[in-house]
Amino acid sequence: HLHGLNMNLMMTDLFFFEKNGENLVGCQQNISELYHLLIFSKS
C-alpha cells in the first residue's frame, strides 16, 4: 500500500507540474530521483 501511495502522489505531482509548466526541469529531476528510490526500495 505504501508503494502504491507513493506512486500515486508522484504521478499527481508530475501531472501538476506538467500542467503549470513552472520549474518543470527541476521538478522532473526530483521526481526521477523519487522513482529511483522507489524502485531500489522495492528490491
Protein backbone atom coordinates (compact mmCIF):
# COMPACT_ATOMS: atom_id res chain seq x y z
CA HIS A 1 0.00 0.00 0.00
CA LEU A 2 2.86 2.35 0.81
CA HIS A 3 4.48 1.94 -2.61
CA GLY A 4 1.14 2.42 -4.35
CA LEU A 5 0.50 5.61 -2.39
CA ASN A 6 3.95 6.97 -3.25
CA MET A 7 3.41 6.20 -6.94
CA ASN A 8 0.03 7.96 -6.95
CA LEU A 9 1.49 11.04 -5.26
CA MET A 10 4.39 11.14 -7.73
CA MET A 11 2.09 10.81 -10.73
CA THR A 12 -0.12 13.57 -9.33
CA ASP A 13 2.92 15.82 -8.86
CA LEU A 14 4.11 15.07 -12.39
CA PHE A 15 0.72 15.97 -13.88
CA PHE A 16 0.55 19.13 -11.75
CA PHE A 17 3.96 20.37 -12.84
CA GLU A 18 3.35 19.49 -16.49
CA LYS A 19 0.07 21.40 -16.40
CA ASN A 20 1.54 24.50 -14.77
CA GLY A 21 4.89 24.36 -16.57
CA GLU A 22 6.72 26.03 -13.68
CA ASN A 23 10.17 24.79 -12.68
CA LEU A 24 9.45 21.81 -14.92
CA VAL A 25 13.04 20.61 -15.34
CA GLY A 26 13.85 20.80 -11.64
CA CYS A 27 10.63 19.06 -10.66
CA GLN A 28 11.14 16.28 -13.19
CA GLN A 29 14.65 15.73 -11.82
CA ASN A 30 13.30 15.45 -8.29
CA ILE A 31 10.56 13.07 -9.42
CA SER A 32 13.12 10.94 -11.27
CA GLU A 33 15.14 10.66 -8.06
CA LEU A 34 12.00 9.62 -6.19
CA TYR A 35 11.29 6.94 -8.81
CA HIS A 36 14.83 5.58 -8.38
CA LEU A 37 14.39 5.49 -4.61
CA LEU A 38 11.05 3.74 -5.00
CA ILE A 39 12.50 1.12 -7.36
CA PHE A 40 15.52 0.46 -5.13
CA SER A 41 13.34 0.19 -2.02
CA LYS A 42 11.22 -2.48 -3.73
CA SER A 43 14.20 -4.74 -4.49
